[in-house]
Amino acid sequence: MRFIYRTAAVLAAATVIAGCRGFGDEPAKPPDIATIAAMVGCASPTPEPTEENFVREAVRCADGRRVITFGDNDARDNFRKAQDFGGVYEEGNGYLVEEP
C-alpha cells in the first residue's frame, strides 16, 4: 500500500512540475512587459511604437535600454537576425533587452 501512495505522490509532483513549464516542448508563457522591465531594473519605462516586425510590445528605460517582448521565441530570434543594433543586454523567454 505504501508503494501506491509513494507512486501517487511522485506522479502528482511530476504533474505539478510539468504544469509549471507547459506541455511537451511548448515553453511557458512569457511574462508581461511590466514584469520584465521591473526584473531588469528598468526605471521609468516609457511605451514605444511597435511597428517593427515580430515585436509585440516595447518600452524604453531611463538609462536608454529597450525592453522588447515577442509572441514566441521564434519571433525573438527572427527579430535578432533582422536587426542591426548595439547588442543584447539580456534575453529570455519571449523577450530581450537591448543595450543603449
C-alpha atoms as a PDB file:
ATOM      1  CA  MET A   1       0.000   0.000   0.000  1.00  0.00           C
ATOM      2  CA  ARG A   2       2.908   2.362   0.721  1.00  0.00           C
ATOM      3  CA  PHE A   3       4.152   1.784  -2.805  1.00  0.00           C
ATOM      4  CA  ILE A   4       0.858   3.065  -4.205  1.00  0.00           C
ATOM      5  CA  TYR A   5       0.965   6.198  -2.044  1.00  0.00           C
ATOM      6  CA  ARG A   6       4.587   6.903  -2.983  1.00  0.00           C
ATOM      7  CA  THR A   7       3.847   6.358  -6.658  1.00  0.00           C
ATOM      8  CA  ALA A   8       0.827   8.655  -6.440  1.00  0.00           C
ATOM      9  CA  ALA A   9       2.913  11.320  -4.708  1.00  0.00           C
ATOM     10  CA  VAL A  10       5.638  11.117  -7.364  1.00  0.00           C
ATOM     11  CA  LEU A  11       3.087  11.320 -10.173  1.00  0.00           C
ATOM     12  CA  ALA A  12       1.381  14.297  -8.524  1.00  0.00           C
ATOM     13  CA  ALA A  13       4.710  16.120  -8.162  1.00  0.00           C
ATOM     14  CA  ALA A  14       5.609  15.385 -11.795  1.00  0.00           C
ATOM     15  CA  THR A  15       2.239  16.734 -12.926  1.00  0.00           C
ATOM     16  CA  VAL A  16       2.742  19.964 -10.968  1.00  0.00           C
ATOM     17  CA  ILE A  17       6.245  20.439 -12.367  1.00  0.00           C
ATOM     18  CA  ALA A  18       5.073  19.755 -15.919  1.00  0.00           C
ATOM     19  CA  GLY A  19       2.202  22.208 -15.430  1.00  0.00           C
ATOM     20  CA  CYS A  20       4.617  24.975 -14.472  1.00  0.00           C
ATOM     21  CA  ARG A  21       6.613  24.542 -17.668  1.00  0.00           C
ATOM     22  CA  GLY A  22       3.738  23.935 -20.054  1.00  0.00           C
ATOM     23  CA  PHE A  23       3.086  20.765 -22.005  1.00  0.00           C
ATOM     24  CA  GLY A  24       5.675  18.931 -24.065  1.00  0.00           C
ATOM     25  CA  ASP A  25       8.086  21.197 -25.909  1.00  0.00           C
ATOM     26  CA  GLU A  26       5.816  24.206 -25.542  1.00  0.00           C
ATOM     27  CA  PRO A  27       7.610  26.873 -23.458  1.00  0.00           C
ATOM     28  CA  ALA A  28       5.854  28.622 -20.605  1.00  0.00           C
ATOM     29  CA  LYS A  29       4.013  31.825 -21.488  1.00  0.00           C
ATOM     30  CA  PRO A  30       6.372  34.817 -21.481  1.00  0.00           C
ATOM     31  CA  PRO A  31       5.865  37.350 -18.661  1.00  0.00           C
ATOM     32  CA  ASP A  32       4.242  40.685 -19.455  1.00  0.00           C
ATOM     33  CA  ILE A  33       6.416  43.662 -20.317  1.00  0.00           C
ATOM     34  CA  ALA A  34       5.924  45.407 -16.946  1.00  0.00           C
ATOM     35  CA  THR A  35       7.217  42.314 -15.130  1.00  0.00           C
ATOM     36  CA  ILE A  36      10.249  42.071 -17.408  1.00  0.00           C
ATOM     37  CA  ALA A  37      11.009  45.796 -17.067  1.00  0.00           C
ATOM     38  CA  ALA A  38      10.918  45.527 -13.279  1.00  0.00           C
ATOM     39  CA  MET A  39      13.004  42.345 -13.347  1.00  0.00           C
ATOM     40  CA  VAL A  40      15.836  44.032 -15.279  1.00  0.00           C
ATOM     41  CA  GLY A  41      15.702  47.225 -13.203  1.00  0.00           C
ATOM     42  CA  CYS A  42      14.180  49.411 -15.890  1.00  0.00           C
ATOM     43  CA  ALA A  43      13.445  52.814 -14.349  1.00  0.00           C
ATOM     44  CA  SER A  44      10.575  54.866 -15.792  1.00  0.00           C
ATOM     45  CA  PRO A  45       9.582  52.503 -18.654  1.00  0.00           C
ATOM     46  CA  THR A  46       8.107  54.544 -21.496  1.00  0.00           C
ATOM     47  CA  PRO A  47       5.984  52.716 -24.101  1.00  0.00           C
ATOM     48  CA  GLU A  48       7.318  52.829 -27.655  1.00  0.00           C
ATOM     49  CA  PRO A  49       5.662  52.151 -31.006  1.00  0.00           C
ATOM     50  CA  THR A  50       5.874  48.509 -32.094  1.00  0.00           C
ATOM     51  CA  GLU A  51       5.793  48.774 -35.858  1.00  0.00           C
ATOM     52  CA  GLU A  52       8.831  46.522 -36.220  1.00  0.00           C
ATOM     53  CA  ASN A  53       8.342  43.004 -37.497  1.00  0.00           C
ATOM     54  CA  PHE A  54       7.942  40.319 -34.833  1.00  0.00           C
ATOM     55  CA  VAL A  55       7.626  42.806 -31.903  1.00  0.00           C
ATOM     56  CA  ARG A  56       4.633  42.565 -29.557  1.00  0.00           C
ATOM     57  CA  GLU A  57       5.436  45.370 -27.070  1.00  0.00           C
ATOM     58  CA  ALA A  58       8.382  47.667 -26.360  1.00  0.00           C
ATOM     59  CA  VAL A  59       9.376  50.157 -23.654  1.00  0.00           C
ATOM     60  CA  ARG A  60      12.396  52.440 -23.300  1.00  0.00           C
ATOM     61  CA  CYS A  61      14.110  52.648 -19.897  1.00  0.00           C
ATOM     62  CA  ALA A  62      15.514  55.869 -18.409  1.00  0.00           C
ATOM     63  CA  ASP A  63      19.069  54.573 -18.975  1.00  0.00           C
ATOM     64  CA  GLY A  64      18.404  54.017 -22.699  1.00  0.00           C
ATOM     65  CA  ARG A  65      17.896  50.251 -22.648  1.00  0.00           C
ATOM     66  CA  ARG A  66      14.920  48.938 -24.588  1.00  0.00           C
ATOM     67  CA  VAL A  67      12.750  46.063 -23.351  1.00  0.00           C
ATOM     68  CA  ILE A  68      11.013  44.199 -26.179  1.00  0.00           C
ATOM     69  CA  THR A  69       8.511  41.335 -25.986  1.00  0.00           C
ATOM     70  CA  PHE A  70       7.551  38.853 -28.685  1.00  0.00           C
ATOM     71  CA  GLY A  71       4.778  36.344 -29.273  1.00  0.00           C
ATOM     72  CA  ASP A  72       7.268  33.482 -29.001  1.00  0.00           C
ATOM     73  CA  ASN A  73      10.977  32.693 -29.082  1.00  0.00           C
ATOM     74  CA  ASP A  74      10.978  32.163 -32.858  1.00  0.00           C
ATOM     75  CA  ALA A  75       9.785  35.756 -33.310  1.00  0.00           C
ATOM     76  CA  ARG A  76      12.508  36.940 -30.894  1.00  0.00           C
ATOM     77  CA  ASP A  77      15.175  35.024 -32.811  1.00  0.00           C
ATOM     78  CA  ASN A  78      13.948  36.325 -36.189  1.00  0.00           C
ATOM     79  CA  PHE A  79      13.991  39.874 -34.820  1.00  0.00           C
ATOM     80  CA  ARG A  80      17.605  39.469 -33.735  1.00  0.00           C
ATOM     81  CA  LYS A  81      18.581  38.156 -37.164  1.00  0.00           C
ATOM     82  CA  ALA A  82      16.821  41.029 -38.960  1.00  0.00           C
ATOM     83  CA  GLN A  83      18.008  43.915 -36.747  1.00  0.00           C
ATOM     84  CA  ASP A  84      21.240  45.817 -36.652  1.00  0.00           C
ATOM     85  CA  PHE A  85      21.528  47.147 -33.115  1.00  0.00           C
ATOM     86  CA  GLY A  86      24.140  47.665 -30.407  1.00  0.00           C
ATOM     87  CA  GLY A  87      23.680  44.391 -28.622  1.00  0.00           C
ATOM     88  CA  VAL A  88      21.595  42.350 -26.264  1.00  0.00           C
ATOM     89  CA  TYR A  89      21.818  43.126 -22.570  1.00  0.00           C
ATOM     90  CA  GLU A  90      19.581  40.213 -21.563  1.00  0.00           C
ATOM     91  CA  GLU A  91      17.481  37.623 -23.345  1.00  0.00           C
ATOM     92  CA  GLY A  92      14.738  35.361 -22.038  1.00  0.00           C
ATOM     93  CA  ASN A  93      11.564  33.509 -22.889  1.00  0.00           C
ATOM     94  CA  GLY A  94       9.767  35.762 -25.382  1.00  0.00           C
ATOM     95  CA  TYR A  95      11.767  38.914 -24.669  1.00  0.00           C
ATOM     96  CA  LEU A  96      15.089  40.662 -24.987  1.00  0.00           C
ATOM     97  CA  VAL A  97      16.642  43.809 -23.595  1.00  0.00           C
ATOM     98  CA  GLU A  98      18.737  45.916 -25.973  1.00  0.00           C
ATOM     99  CA  GLU A  99      21.678  47.940 -24.747  1.00  0.00           C
ATOM    100  CA  PRO A 100      21.538  51.684 -25.439  1.00  0.00           C
END
